[in-house]
Amino acid sequence: MQESVALSRRDFMKGGIAIGSCVIFGATAATLAAGKANADDADSLAGVQYGFLVDLNKCVGCENCVAACRKYNHLSEDTPNRRKVTKFTNSRQEDVYVSTSCMHCAEPSCERVCPSGAISKGNAGIVSTDKDRCIGCKYCFQACPYGVPHYNSVAMDKCDCCLDAGIVPGQTPYCVQNCKFGALRYGSMEELKEFARGNAVPIGTPNDPSCLVIGEGR
């Protein structure tokens, strides 16, 4: 269900033994090669911040992104939506929609205040939660300027760019894959800024959020 608020554009300012031996050797070599490739990929993402770009001119409020997030991440019934679509009024007094999730901030306050070390910032700048370590204190919710952390019967839950759903850091999350109108884009912050040709602005300022917004809507 969409939330409705009144905000201006400024507010929104990733045979036999021989054959068997060959197969085993080949499989081992392939595994080692894959492992090295994965390690290389991980190294290439260290220190690179990925995020989202939301185009207000293209978002129609269909919530396909919300449904895809719930489906592919197998969210339980008692888990709130990780992504939400908010309706607001632009400067021309028109209804406009914006899709948001965790901002994966460059300086996440949720990570700073977590007493159990359940929240960490990893490759591609993705902020994720270790549910086995979460103690449910809700300090992260209180510290987050964007009201992102939510809770189910197990622990705190929020967007992890689909890491738990098998998406590798740096690859495109399911919400973006399922946006039919091209309103969502995912990539390094530098790539997103270049794509927007300087027309995108940060969705907020606290903690340097990794989410940009472009346009004022229709």
N, C-alpha and C. Protein backbone atom coordinates (compact mmCIF):
# COMPACT_ATOMS: atom_id res chain seq x y z
N MET A 1 0.86 -1.20 0.00
CA MET A 1 0.00 0.00 0.00
C MET A 1 0.88 1.24 0.00
N GLN A 2 0.55 2.21 -0.82
CA GLN A 2 1.38 3.39 -0.94
C GLN A 2 1.15 4.35 0.22
N GLU A 3 2.22 5.04 0.61
CA GLU A 3 2.12 6.07 1.61
C GLU A 3 2.04 7.40 0.90
N SER A 4 1.37 8.36 1.48
CA SER A 4 1.20 9.64 0.81
C SER A 4 1.73 10.77 1.69
N VAL A 5 2.62 11.60 1.12
CA VAL A 5 3.15 12.76 1.82
C VAL A 5 3.26 13.90 0.83
N ALA A 6 3.40 15.11 1.32
CA ALA A 6 3.57 16.27 0.46
C ALA A 6 5.00 16.75 0.58
N LEU A 7 5.80 16.59 -0.46
CA LEU A 7 7.21 16.96 -0.44
C LEU A 7 7.58 17.65 -1.74
N SER A 8 8.57 18.51 -1.68
CA SER A 8 9.06 19.15 -2.89
C SER A 8 10.26 18.40 -3.42
N ARG A 9 10.74 18.78 -4.61
CA ARG A 9 11.90 18.11 -5.21
C ARG A 9 13.11 18.30 -4.32
N ARG A 10 13.19 19.41 -3.69
CA ARG A 10 14.34 19.70 -2.84
C ARG A 10 14.44 18.71 -1.69
N ASP A 11 13.29 18.22 -1.22
CA ASP A 11 13.28 17.29 -0.10
C ASP A 11 13.86 15.94 -0.52
N PHE A 12 13.98 15.78 -1.81
CA PHE A 12 14.50 14.49 -2.27
C PHE A 12 15.91 14.65 -2.89
N MET A 13 16.25 16.54 -2.18
CA MET A 13 17.60 16.99 -2.54
C MET A 13 18.66 16.31 -1.66
N LYS A 14 24.00 -3.16 -7.80
CA LYS A 14 25.17 -5.04 -8.02
C LYS A 14 25.97 -7.60 -8.05
N GLY A 15 38.04 -44.49 -20.84
CA GLY A 15 38.23 -45.00 -19.81
C GLY A 15 38.83 -45.22 -18.50
N GLY A 16 37.83 -44.63 -17.34
CA GLY A 16 38.25 -45.15 -16.06
C GLY A 16 38.97 -44.11 -15.22
N ILE A 17 40.11 -44.66 -14.61
CA ILE A 17 40.85 -43.86 -13.65
C ILE A 17 41.39 -42.60 -14.30
N ALA A 18 41.97 -42.78 -15.51
CA ALA A 18 42.56 -41.62 -16.19
C ALA A 18 41.52 -40.56 -16.45
N ILE A 19 40.37 -41.06 -16.97
CA ILE A 19 39.29 -40.11 -17.26
C ILE A 19 38.79 -39.48 -15.98
N GLY A 20 38.63 -40.37 -14.97
CA GLY A 20 38.14 -39.84 -13.70
C GLY A 20 39.08 -38.81 -13.13
N SER A 21 40.38 -39.09 -13.24
CA SER A 21 41.36 -38.15 -12.72
C SER A 21 41.29 -36.82 -13.46
N CYS A 22 41.11 -36.93 -14.78
CA CYS A 22 41.00 -35.70 -15.58
C CYS A 22 39.79 -34.89 -15.18
N VAL A 23 38.68 -35.61 -14.96
CA VAL A 23 37.44 -34.93 -14.57
C VAL A 23 37.61 -34.23 -13.23
N ILE A 24 38.23 -35.00 -12.29
CA ILE A 24 38.43 -34.42 -10.97
C ILE A 24 39.35 -33.22 -11.04
N PHE A 25 40.46 -33.39 -11.79
CA PHE A 25 41.41 -32.29 -11.93
C PHE A 25 40.76 -31.08 -12.58
N GLY A 26 39.98 -31.40 -13.65
CA GLY A 26 39.32 -30.31 -14.36
C GLY A 26 38.34 -29.57 -13.46
N ALA A 27 37.57 -30.36 -12.68
CA ALA A 27 36.58 -29.74 -11.79
C ALA A 27 37.28 -28.90 -10.73
N THR A 28 38.40 -29.44 -10.19
CA THR A 28 39.13 -28.71 -9.16
C THR A 28 39.69 -27.41 -9.72
N ALA A 29 40.27 -27.52 -10.94
CA ALA A 29 40.83 -26.32 -11.56
C ALA A 29 39.75 -25.28 -11.81
N ALA A 30 38.60 -25.79 -12.26
CA ALA A 30 37.49 -24.86 -12.53
C ALA A 30 37.03 -24.18 -11.24
N THR A 31 36.96 -24.98 -10.17
CA THR A 31 36.54 -24.43 -8.88
C THR A 31 37.51 -23.37 -8.40
N LEU A 32 38.82 -23.70 -8.52
CA LEU A 32 39.83 -22.74 -8.09
C LEU A 32 39.77 -21.47 -8.93
N ALA A 33 39.57 -21.66 -10.24
CA ALA A 33 39.48 -20.49 -11.12
C ALA A 33 38.29 -19.63 -10.77
N ALA A 34 37.16 -20.30 -10.51
CA ALA A 34 35.95 -19.56 -10.14
C ALA A 34 36.16 -18.82 -8.84
N GLY A 35 36.83 -19.50 -7.89
CA GLY A 35 37.09 -18.86 -6.62
C GLY A 35 37.97 -17.63 -6.77
N LYS A 36 38.99 -17.74 -7.63
CA LYS A 36 39.87 -16.61 -7.87
C LYS A 36 39.11 -15.47 -8.54
N ALA A 37 38.24 -15.85 -9.50
CA ALA A 37 37.45 -14.81 -10.18
C ALA A 37 36.55 -14.09 -9.20
N ASN A 38 35.92 -14.87 -8.30
CA ASN A 38 35.04 -14.25 -7.32
C ASN A 38 35.82 -13.33 -6.40
N ALA A 39 37.03 -13.80 -6.01
CA ALA A 39 37.86 -12.98 -5.14
C ALA A 39 38.27 -11.70 -5.85
N ASP A 40 38.61 -11.83 -7.15
CA ASP A 40 38.99 -10.65 -7.92
C ASP A 40 37.83 -9.68 -8.03
N ASP A 41 36.63 -10.24 -8.26
CA ASP A 41 35.44 -9.39 -8.36
C ASP A 41 35.20 -8.66 -7.05
N ALA A 42 35.36 -9.41 -5.94
CA ALA A 42 35.15 -8.80 -4.62
C ALA A 42 36.16 -7.69 -4.38
N ASP A 43 37.42 -7.94 -4.76
CA ASP A 43 38.45 -6.93 -4.57
C ASP A 43 38.14 -5.68 -5.38
N SER A 44 37.60 -5.88 -6.58
CA SER A 44 37.31 -4.74 -7.44
C SER A 44 36.17 -3.89 -6.90
N LEU A 45 35.35 -4.45 -6.01
CA LEU A 45 34.23 -3.72 -5.44
C LEU A 45 34.54 -3.10 -4.10
N ALA A 46 35.69 -3.47 -3.54
CA ALA A 46 36.07 -2.92 -2.24
C ALA A 46 36.27 -1.41 -2.37
N GLY A 47 35.60 -0.69 -1.55
CA GLY A 47 35.73 0.76 -1.58
C GLY A 47 34.88 1.45 -2.61
N VAL A 48 34.09 0.69 -3.39
CA VAL A 48 33.20 1.28 -4.39
C VAL A 48 31.78 1.28 -3.85
N GLN A 49 31.15 2.42 -3.86
CA GLN A 49 29.79 2.52 -3.34
C GLN A 49 28.76 2.38 -4.44
N TYR A 50 27.88 1.39 -4.33
CA TYR A 50 26.77 1.20 -5.26
C TYR A 50 25.50 1.76 -4.64
N GLY A 51 24.56 2.10 -5.50
CA GLY A 51 23.31 2.64 -4.99
C GLY A 51 22.23 2.62 -6.04
N PHE A 52 21.16 3.36 -5.78
CA PHE A 52 19.99 3.39 -6.65
C PHE A 52 19.77 4.78 -7.23
N LEU A 53 19.21 4.80 -8.44
CA LEU A 53 18.76 6.04 -9.06
C LEU A 53 17.27 5.87 -9.33
N VAL A 54 16.48 6.82 -8.85
CA VAL A 54 15.03 6.78 -9.03
C VAL A 54 14.61 7.91 -9.96
N ASP A 55 13.92 7.56 -11.05
CA ASP A 55 13.46 8.57 -12.00
C ASP A 55 11.98 8.85 -11.74
N LEU A 56 11.72 10.01 -11.19
CA LEU A 56 10.34 10.38 -10.84
C LEU A 56 9.46 10.54 -12.08
N ASN A 57 10.08 10.81 -13.22
CA ASN A 57 9.30 10.97 -14.45
C ASN A 57 8.77 9.65 -14.98
N LYS A 58 9.35 8.52 -14.52
CA LYS A 58 8.98 7.21 -15.04
C LYS A 58 8.22 6.33 -14.05
N CYS A 59 8.34 6.61 -12.75
CA CYS A 59 7.66 5.79 -11.76
C CYS A 59 6.16 6.05 -11.79
N VAL A 60 5.36 4.97 -11.93
CA VAL A 60 3.91 5.11 -12.00
C VAL A 60 3.21 4.57 -10.76
N GLY A 61 3.99 4.16 -9.77
CA GLY A 61 3.40 3.67 -8.53
C GLY A 61 2.82 2.28 -8.62
N CYS A 62 3.26 1.46 -9.58
CA CYS A 62 2.69 0.12 -9.77
C CYS A 62 3.08 -0.88 -8.69
N GLU A 63 4.17 -0.61 -7.98
CA GLU A 63 4.68 -1.44 -6.90
C GLU A 63 5.18 -2.81 -7.35
N ASN A 64 5.55 -2.97 -8.63
CA ASN A 64 6.19 -4.22 -9.08
C ASN A 64 7.50 -4.44 -8.35
N CYS A 65 8.18 -3.36 -8.04
CA CYS A 65 9.44 -3.45 -7.31
C CYS A 65 9.23 -4.01 -5.91
N VAL A 66 8.16 -3.59 -5.27
CA VAL A 66 7.84 -4.07 -3.93
C VAL A 66 7.51 -5.55 -3.96
N ALA A 67 6.68 -5.96 -4.93
CA ALA A 67 6.28 -7.36 -5.06
C ALA A 67 7.47 -8.26 -5.39
N ALA A 68 8.36 -7.79 -6.27
CA ALA A 68 9.54 -8.58 -6.65
C ALA A 68 10.47 -8.75 -5.46
N CYS A 69 10.62 -7.70 -4.67
CA CYS A 69 11.45 -7.77 -3.47
C CYS A 69 10.93 -8.83 -2.51
N ARG A 70 9.64 -8.83 -2.27
CA ARG A 70 9.04 -9.81 -1.35
C ARG A 70 9.16 -11.23 -1.91
N LYS A 71 8.90 -11.41 -3.21
CA LYS A 71 8.91 -12.73 -3.83
C LYS A 71 10.29 -13.37 -3.84
N TYR A 72 11.27 -12.68 -4.35
CA TYR A 72 12.60 -13.28 -4.53
C TYR A 72 13.41 -13.35 -3.23
N ASN A 73 13.07 -12.52 -2.27
CA ASN A 73 13.74 -12.59 -0.98
C ASN A 73 12.98 -13.46 0.02
N HIS A 74 11.86 -14.04 -0.44
CA HIS A 74 11.06 -14.95 0.37
C HIS A 74 10.73 -14.35 1.75
N LEU A 75 10.23 -13.15 1.73
CA LEU A 75 9.90 -12.49 2.99
C LEU A 75 8.68 -13.13 3.63
N SER A 76 8.75 -13.36 4.92
CA SER A 76 7.65 -13.97 5.66
C SER A 76 6.49 -12.99 5.78
N GLU A 77 5.34 -13.51 6.14
CA GLU A 77 4.15 -12.66 6.25
C GLU A 77 4.31 -11.59 7.32
N ASP A 78 5.12 -11.88 8.33
CA ASP A 78 5.27 -10.90 9.40
C ASP A 78 6.44 -9.95 9.16
N THR A 79 7.01 -10.00 7.96
CA THR A 79 8.11 -9.10 7.61
C THR A 79 7.58 -7.93 6.80
N PRO A 80 7.77 -6.70 7.27
CA PRO A 80 7.32 -5.53 6.52
C PRO A 80 8.04 -5.43 5.18
N ASN A 81 7.47 -4.69 4.26
CA ASN A 81 8.11 -4.48 2.95
C ASN A 81 9.48 -3.85 3.12
N ARG A 82 10.46 -4.36 2.38
CA ARG A 82 11.79 -3.75 2.41
C ARG A 82 11.83 -2.51 1.53
N ARG A 83 11.00 -2.51 0.51
CA ARG A 83 10.93 -1.36 -0.40
C ARG A 83 9.53 -0.78 -0.34
N LYS A 84 9.42 0.50 -0.47
CA LYS A 84 8.10 1.12 -0.44
C LYS A 84 7.98 2.15 -1.54
N VAL A 85 6.76 2.39 -1.97
CA VAL A 85 6.47 3.41 -2.97
C VAL A 85 5.67 4.51 -2.27
N THR A 86 6.18 5.72 -2.34
CA THR A 86 5.55 6.85 -1.67
C THR A 86 5.00 7.84 -2.70
N LYS A 87 3.81 8.32 -2.46
CA LYS A 87 3.22 9.34 -3.33
C LYS A 87 3.40 10.71 -2.69
N PHE A 88 3.82 11.67 -3.49
CA PHE A 88 3.93 13.02 -2.98
C PHE A 88 3.49 14.01 -4.05
N THR A 89 3.44 15.25 -3.73
CA THR A 89 3.01 16.29 -4.65
C THR A 89 4.19 17.11 -5.12
N ASN A 90 4.36 17.24 -6.44
CA ASN A 90 5.50 18.01 -6.95
C ASN A 90 5.15 19.49 -6.99
N SER A 91 6.09 20.27 -7.55
CA SER A 91 5.91 21.73 -7.56
C SER A 91 4.75 22.18 -8.43
N ARG A 92 4.28 21.30 -9.34
CA ARG A 92 3.14 21.65 -10.19
C ARG A 92 1.84 21.11 -9.62
N GLN A 93 1.90 20.71 -8.35
CA GLN A 93 0.74 20.17 -7.65
C GLN A 93 0.21 18.89 -8.29
N GLU A 94 1.14 18.07 -8.83
CA GLU A 94 0.78 16.80 -9.45
C GLU A 94 1.24 15.66 -8.55
N ASP A 95 0.47 14.57 -8.55
CA ASP A 95 0.87 13.39 -7.77
C ASP A 95 2.03 12.68 -8.46
N VAL A 96 3.08 12.41 -7.70
CA VAL A 96 4.29 11.76 -8.22
C VAL A 96 4.67 10.64 -7.27
N TYR A 97 5.30 9.58 -7.82
CA TYR A 97 5.67 8.41 -7.01
C TYR A 97 7.18 8.22 -6.97
N VAL A 98 7.66 7.78 -5.82
CA VAL A 98 9.08 7.50 -5.66
C VAL A 98 9.24 6.18 -4.92
N SER A 99 10.13 5.30 -5.43
CA SER A 99 10.38 3.99 -4.83
C SER A 99 11.69 4.03 -4.06
N THR A 100 11.64 3.67 -2.79
CA THR A 100 12.83 3.71 -1.95
C THR A 100 12.96 2.46 -1.09
N SER A 101 14.18 2.21 -0.64
CA SER A 101 14.46 1.11 0.29
C SER A 101 15.57 1.60 1.21
N CYS A 102 16.40 0.70 1.73
CA CYS A 102 17.55 1.11 2.51
C CYS A 102 18.44 1.99 1.64
N MET A 103 18.98 3.03 2.21
CA MET A 103 19.81 3.97 1.46
C MET A 103 21.27 3.51 1.35
N HIS A 104 21.66 2.45 2.06
CA HIS A 104 23.04 1.95 2.05
C HIS A 104 24.01 3.13 2.15
N CYS A 105 23.80 3.88 3.20
CA CYS A 105 24.55 5.12 3.41
C CYS A 105 26.06 4.91 3.43
N ALA A 106 26.78 5.91 2.99
CA ALA A 106 28.23 5.88 3.04
C ALA A 106 28.70 5.86 4.49
N GLU A 107 27.93 6.49 5.35
CA GLU A 107 28.26 6.52 6.78
C GLU A 107 27.02 6.08 7.57
N PRO A 108 26.72 4.77 7.57
CA PRO A 108 25.47 4.29 8.19
C PRO A 108 25.45 4.39 9.72
N SER A 109 24.53 5.16 10.21
CA SER A 109 24.40 5.30 11.67
C SER A 109 23.89 4.02 12.30
N CYS A 110 23.14 3.21 11.55
CA CYS A 110 22.63 1.94 12.09
C CYS A 110 23.80 1.03 12.48
N GLU A 111 24.85 1.02 11.66
CA GLU A 111 26.03 0.20 11.94
C GLU A 111 26.76 0.72 13.18
N ARG A 112 26.84 2.03 13.29
CA ARG A 112 27.58 2.64 14.41
C ARG A 112 26.95 2.33 15.76
N VAL A 113 25.62 2.31 15.81
CA VAL A 113 24.97 2.16 17.11
C VAL A 113 24.64 0.72 17.48
N CYS A 114 24.80 -0.25 16.55
CA CYS A 114 24.44 -1.64 16.84
C CYS A 114 25.38 -2.24 17.88
N PRO A 115 24.91 -2.58 19.08
CA PRO A 115 25.78 -3.07 20.15
C PRO A 115 26.26 -4.50 19.94
N SER A 116 25.60 -5.28 19.07
CA SER A 116 25.96 -6.68 18.86
C SER A 116 26.78 -6.91 17.61
N GLY A 117 27.04 -5.85 16.84
CA GLY A 117 27.81 -5.98 15.61
C GLY A 117 27.06 -6.74 14.53
N ALA A 118 25.73 -6.66 14.56
CA ALA A 118 24.90 -7.40 13.61
C ALA A 118 24.81 -6.71 12.25
N ILE A 119 25.18 -5.44 12.20
CA ILE A 119 25.08 -4.68 10.96
C ILE A 119 26.48 -4.36 10.44
N SER A 120 26.69 -4.63 9.16
CA SER A 120 28.01 -4.36 8.59
C SER A 120 27.89 -3.81 7.18
N LYS A 121 28.93 -3.11 6.76
CA LYS A 121 28.98 -2.53 5.42
C LYS A 121 30.03 -3.30 4.63
N GLY A 122 29.63 -4.01 3.56
CA GLY A 122 30.53 -4.88 2.81
C GLY A 122 30.83 -4.39 1.41
N ASN A 123 31.17 -5.35 0.51
CA ASN A 123 31.51 -5.01 -0.88
C ASN A 123 30.36 -4.29 -1.57
N ALA A 124 30.73 -3.38 -2.44
CA ALA A 124 29.78 -2.52 -3.16
C ALA A 124 29.06 -1.58 -2.20
N GLY A 125 29.56 -1.48 -0.97
CA GLY A 125 28.96 -0.56 -0.01
C GLY A 125 27.63 -1.01 0.53
N ILE A 126 27.30 -2.29 0.36
CA ILE A 126 26.00 -2.80 0.80
C ILE A 126 25.96 -2.97 2.32
N VAL A 127 24.97 -2.41 2.94
CA VAL A 127 24.79 -2.54 4.39
C VAL A 127 23.84 -3.72 4.63
N SER A 128 24.31 -4.74 5.35
CA SER A 128 23.50 -5.93 5.57
C SER A 128 23.42 -6.28 7.05
N THR A 129 22.49 -7.17 7.38
CA THR A 129 22.24 -7.55 8.76
C THR A 129 22.45 -9.04 8.99
N ASP A 130 23.17 -9.38 10.05
CA ASP A 130 23.35 -10.76 10.47
C ASP A 130 22.25 -11.06 11.48
N LYS A 131 21.22 -11.75 11.03
CA LYS A 131 20.06 -11.97 11.89
C LYS A 131 20.37 -12.83 13.11
N ASP A 132 21.43 -13.67 13.02
CA ASP A 132 21.81 -14.50 14.17
C ASP A 132 22.44 -13.67 15.28
N ARG A 133 22.91 -12.50 14.94
CA ARG A 133 23.55 -11.65 15.93
C ARG A 133 22.63 -10.54 16.44
N CYS A 134 21.57 -10.28 15.70
CA CYS A 134 20.64 -9.22 16.10
C CYS A 134 19.96 -9.55 17.42
N ILE A 135 19.92 -8.61 18.34
CA ILE A 135 19.28 -8.82 19.64
C ILE A 135 17.96 -8.07 19.76
N GLY A 136 17.56 -7.41 18.69
CA GLY A 136 16.26 -6.74 18.68
C GLY A 136 16.16 -5.51 19.55
N CYS A 137 17.26 -4.82 19.79
CA CYS A 137 17.23 -3.65 20.67
C CYS A 137 16.59 -2.42 20.04
N LYS A 138 16.52 -2.42 18.70
CA LYS A 138 15.91 -1.31 17.95
C LYS A 138 16.71 -0.01 17.97
N TYR A 139 17.97 -0.09 18.40
CA TYR A 139 18.81 1.11 18.35
C TYR A 139 18.99 1.59 16.91
N CYS A 140 19.08 0.62 15.97
CA CYS A 140 19.28 0.99 14.56
C CYS A 140 18.09 1.78 14.02
N PHE A 141 16.90 1.39 14.42
CA PHE A 141 15.70 2.10 13.97
C PHE A 141 15.71 3.53 14.48
N GLN A 142 16.09 3.67 15.74
CA GLN A 142 16.12 4.99 16.33
C GLN A 142 17.17 5.88 15.70
N ALA A 143 18.28 5.27 15.25
CA ALA A 143 19.38 6.05 14.69
C ALA A 143 19.22 6.37 13.21
N CYS A 144 18.45 5.56 12.49
CA CYS A 144 18.32 5.75 11.04
C CYS A 144 17.46 6.98 10.71
N PRO A 145 18.01 7.94 9.98
CA PRO A 145 17.24 9.14 9.66
C PRO A 145 16.17 8.90 8.61
N TYR A 146 16.15 7.70 8.01
CA TYR A 146 15.19 7.40 6.95
C TYR A 146 14.14 6.37 7.37
N GLY A 147 14.14 5.95 8.62
CA GLY A 147 13.14 5.01 9.12
C GLY A 147 13.16 3.67 8.42
N VAL A 148 14.35 3.21 8.01
CA VAL A 148 14.46 1.99 7.22
C VAL A 148 14.33 0.69 8.00
N PRO A 149 15.04 0.49 9.11
CA PRO A 149 15.00 -0.81 9.80
C PRO A 149 13.59 -1.17 10.26
N HIS A 150 13.17 -2.39 9.96
CA HIS A 150 11.91 -2.93 10.44
C HIS A 150 12.17 -4.28 11.10
N TYR A 151 11.17 -4.80 11.77
CA TYR A 151 11.38 -6.03 12.55
C TYR A 151 10.29 -7.05 12.29
N ASN A 152 10.72 -8.33 12.26
CA ASN A 152 9.75 -9.42 12.23
C ASN A 152 9.94 -10.23 13.50
N SER A 153 9.40 -11.44 13.56
CA SER A 153 9.50 -12.23 14.79
C SER A 153 10.89 -12.76 15.06
N VAL A 154 11.80 -12.62 14.08
CA VAL A 154 13.17 -13.14 14.24
C VAL A 154 14.19 -12.05 14.55
N ALA A 155 14.20 -11.02 13.77
CA ALA A 155 15.23 -9.99 13.93
C ALA A 155 14.90 -8.76 13.11
N MET A 156 15.83 -7.82 13.08
CA MET A 156 15.69 -6.65 12.22
C MET A 156 15.82 -7.09 10.78
N ASP A 157 15.06 -6.48 9.89
CA ASP A 157 15.08 -6.83 8.48
C ASP A 157 15.09 -5.57 7.63
N LYS A 158 15.88 -5.60 6.56
CA LYS A 158 15.90 -4.48 5.63
C LYS A 158 16.54 -4.93 4.31
N CYS A 159 16.50 -4.08 3.31
CA CYS A 159 17.12 -4.35 2.01
C CYS A 159 18.60 -4.65 2.15
N ASP A 160 19.06 -5.74 1.47
CA ASP A 160 20.49 -6.05 1.39
C ASP A 160 20.92 -6.19 -0.07
N CYS A 161 20.17 -5.51 -0.95
CA CYS A 161 20.40 -5.58 -2.40
C CYS A 161 20.33 -7.01 -2.90
N CYS A 162 19.46 -7.81 -2.26
CA CYS A 162 19.16 -9.20 -2.64
C CYS A 162 20.34 -10.17 -2.44
N LEU A 163 21.25 -9.89 -1.51
CA LEU A 163 22.35 -10.80 -1.21
C LEU A 163 21.81 -12.16 -0.75
N ASP A 164 20.82 -12.14 0.13
CA ASP A 164 20.22 -13.39 0.62
C ASP A 164 19.46 -14.13 -0.47
N ALA A 165 19.13 -13.44 -1.54
CA ALA A 165 18.40 -14.05 -2.66
C ALA A 165 19.34 -14.53 -3.75
N GLY A 166 20.65 -14.48 -3.51
CA GLY A 166 21.63 -14.99 -4.45
C GLY A 166 22.24 -13.98 -5.41
N ILE A 167 21.90 -12.71 -5.24
CA ILE A 167 22.49 -11.69 -6.10
C ILE A 167 23.88 -11.33 -5.57
N VAL A 168 24.87 -11.37 -6.44
CA VAL A 168 26.25 -11.07 -6.06
C VAL A 168 26.43 -9.55 -5.96
N PRO A 169 27.22 -9.09 -4.99
CA PRO A 169 27.45 -7.65 -4.89
C PRO A 169 27.87 -7.04 -6.22
N GLY A 170 27.20 -5.97 -6.59
CA GLY A 170 27.49 -5.31 -7.85
C GLY A 170 26.52 -5.67 -8.95
N GLN A 171 25.80 -6.83 -8.78
CA GLN A 171 24.80 -7.21 -9.77
C GLN A 171 23.47 -6.55 -9.44
N THR A 172 22.57 -6.54 -10.41
CA THR A 172 21.31 -5.83 -10.27
C THR A 172 20.29 -6.54 -9.38
N PRO A 173 19.81 -5.89 -8.34
CA PRO A 173 18.79 -6.47 -7.46
C PRO A 173 17.47 -6.70 -8.20
N TYR A 174 16.63 -7.55 -7.63
CA TYR A 174 15.38 -7.93 -8.29
C TYR A 174 14.38 -6.78 -8.43
N CYS A 175 14.40 -5.84 -7.54
CA CYS A 175 13.48 -4.71 -7.66
C CYS A 175 13.73 -3.96 -8.96
N VAL A 176 15.00 -3.73 -9.26
CA VAL A 176 15.37 -3.02 -10.48
C VAL A 176 15.09 -3.87 -11.71
N GLN A 177 15.40 -5.18 -11.63
CA GLN A 177 15.14 -6.10 -12.75
C GLN A 177 13.67 -6.14 -13.14
N ASN A 178 12.80 -5.92 -12.17
CA ASN A 178 11.37 -6.05 -12.41
C ASN A 178 10.63 -4.73 -12.59
N CYS A 179 11.37 -3.63 -12.68
CA CYS A 179 10.72 -2.35 -12.94
C CYS A 179 10.45 -2.24 -14.44
N LYS A 180 9.19 -2.27 -14.84
CA LYS A 180 8.80 -2.28 -16.26
C LYS A 180 8.96 -0.92 -16.94
N PHE A 181 9.10 0.11 -16.17
CA PHE A 181 9.12 1.44 -16.75
C PHE A 181 10.49 2.12 -16.69
N GLY A 182 11.50 1.39 -16.21
CA GLY A 182 12.84 1.97 -16.16
C GLY A 182 12.99 3.08 -15.15
N ALA A 183 12.15 3.06 -14.13
CA ALA A 183 12.21 4.11 -13.11
C ALA A 183 13.31 3.86 -12.09
N LEU A 184 13.81 2.62 -12.01
CA LEU A 184 14.87 2.28 -11.07
C LEU A 184 16.12 1.86 -11.82
N ARG A 185 17.25 2.30 -11.33
CA ARG A 185 18.54 1.92 -11.90
C ARG A 185 19.50 1.66 -10.75
N TYR A 186 20.42 0.66 -10.93
CA TYR A 186 21.38 0.30 -9.88
C TYR A 186 22.79 0.29 -10.47
N GLY A 187 23.74 0.80 -9.74
CA GLY A 187 25.13 0.82 -10.20
C GLY A 187 26.00 1.58 -9.23
N SER A 188 27.25 1.79 -9.59
CA SER A 188 28.12 2.59 -8.72
C SER A 188 27.59 4.02 -8.74
N MET A 189 27.83 4.72 -7.67
CA MET A 189 27.32 6.08 -7.59
C MET A 189 27.89 6.95 -8.71
N GLU A 190 29.16 6.71 -9.08
CA GLU A 190 29.75 7.49 -10.17
C GLU A 190 29.05 7.19 -11.49
N GLU A 191 28.72 5.89 -11.73
CA GLU A 191 28.02 5.52 -12.96
C GLU A 191 26.63 6.16 -13.01
N LEU A 192 25.97 6.17 -11.88
CA LEU A 192 24.63 6.74 -11.83
C LEU A 192 24.64 8.24 -12.08
N LYS A 193 25.61 8.90 -11.50
CA LYS A 193 25.72 10.35 -11.71
C LYS A 193 26.01 10.67 -13.18
N GLU A 194 26.89 9.84 -13.78
CA GLU A 194 27.22 10.04 -15.19
C GLU A 194 26.01 9.79 -16.07
N PHE A 195 25.23 8.74 -15.73
CA PHE A 195 24.03 8.42 -16.49
C PHE A 195 23.02 9.56 -16.42
N ALA A 196 22.92 10.17 -15.26
CA ALA A 196 21.96 11.26 -15.07
C ALA A 196 22.45 12.59 -15.62
N ARG A 197 23.69 12.63 -16.08
CA ARG A 197 24.26 13.84 -16.68
C ARG A 197 24.14 15.05 -15.76
N GLY A 198 24.36 14.79 -14.50
CA GLY A 198 24.37 15.89 -13.54
C GLY A 198 23.01 16.37 -13.10
N ASN A 199 21.96 15.71 -13.55
CA ASN A 199 20.61 16.15 -13.20
C ASN A 199 20.02 15.49 -11.96
N ALA A 200 20.75 14.52 -11.37
CA ALA A 200 20.23 13.82 -10.20
C ALA A 200 20.70 14.49 -8.92
N VAL A 201 19.87 14.41 -7.91
CA VAL A 201 20.23 14.96 -6.60
C VAL A 201 20.08 13.86 -5.55
N PRO A 202 20.81 13.94 -4.45
CA PRO A 202 20.67 12.95 -3.37
C PRO A 202 19.27 13.00 -2.79
N ILE A 203 18.76 11.87 -2.39
CA ILE A 203 17.41 11.82 -1.83
C ILE A 203 17.36 12.48 -0.46
N GLY A 204 18.52 12.62 0.14
CA GLY A 204 18.62 13.27 1.44
C GLY A 204 20.06 13.65 1.69
N THR A 205 20.36 14.15 2.87
CA THR A 205 21.73 14.52 3.20
C THR A 205 22.34 13.76 4.38
N PRO A 206 21.57 13.40 5.42
CA PRO A 206 22.18 12.71 6.56
C PRO A 206 22.84 11.40 6.16
N ASN A 207 24.09 11.18 6.61
CA ASN A 207 24.84 9.93 6.42
C ASN A 207 25.24 9.65 4.98
N ASP A 208 25.08 10.61 4.09
CA ASP A 208 25.45 10.46 2.68
C ASP A 208 24.77 9.24 2.06
N PRO A 209 23.45 9.26 1.88
CA PRO A 209 22.70 8.12 1.35
C PRO A 209 23.07 7.81 -0.09
N SER A 210 23.08 6.49 -0.44
CA SER A 210 23.43 6.05 -1.80
C SER A 210 22.17 5.90 -2.64
N CYS A 211 21.44 6.97 -2.75
CA CYS A 211 20.21 6.99 -3.53
C CYS A 211 20.05 8.37 -4.15
N LEU A 212 19.90 8.39 -5.48
CA LEU A 212 19.74 9.64 -6.20
C LEU A 212 18.35 9.72 -6.82
N VAL A 213 17.87 10.93 -6.98
CA VAL A 213 16.54 11.14 -7.57
C VAL A 213 16.70 12.09 -8.76
N ILE A 214 15.97 11.80 -9.83
CA ILE A 214 16.00 12.66 -11.00
C ILE A 214 14.57 12.99 -11.42
N GLY A 215 14.34 14.23 -11.79
CA GLY A 215 13.05 14.65 -12.29
C GLY A 215 12.08 15.10 -11.22
N GLU A 216 11.01 15.74 -11.66
CA GLU A 216 9.95 16.18 -10.75
C GLU A 216 8.67 15.41 -10.98
N GLY A 217 8.71 14.41 -11.89
CA GLY A 217 7.51 13.65 -12.17
C GLY A 217 6.74 14.26 -13.31
N ARG A 218 5.66 13.58 -13.68
CA ARG A 218 4.88 14.03 -14.83
C ARG A 218 4.18 15.34 -14.55
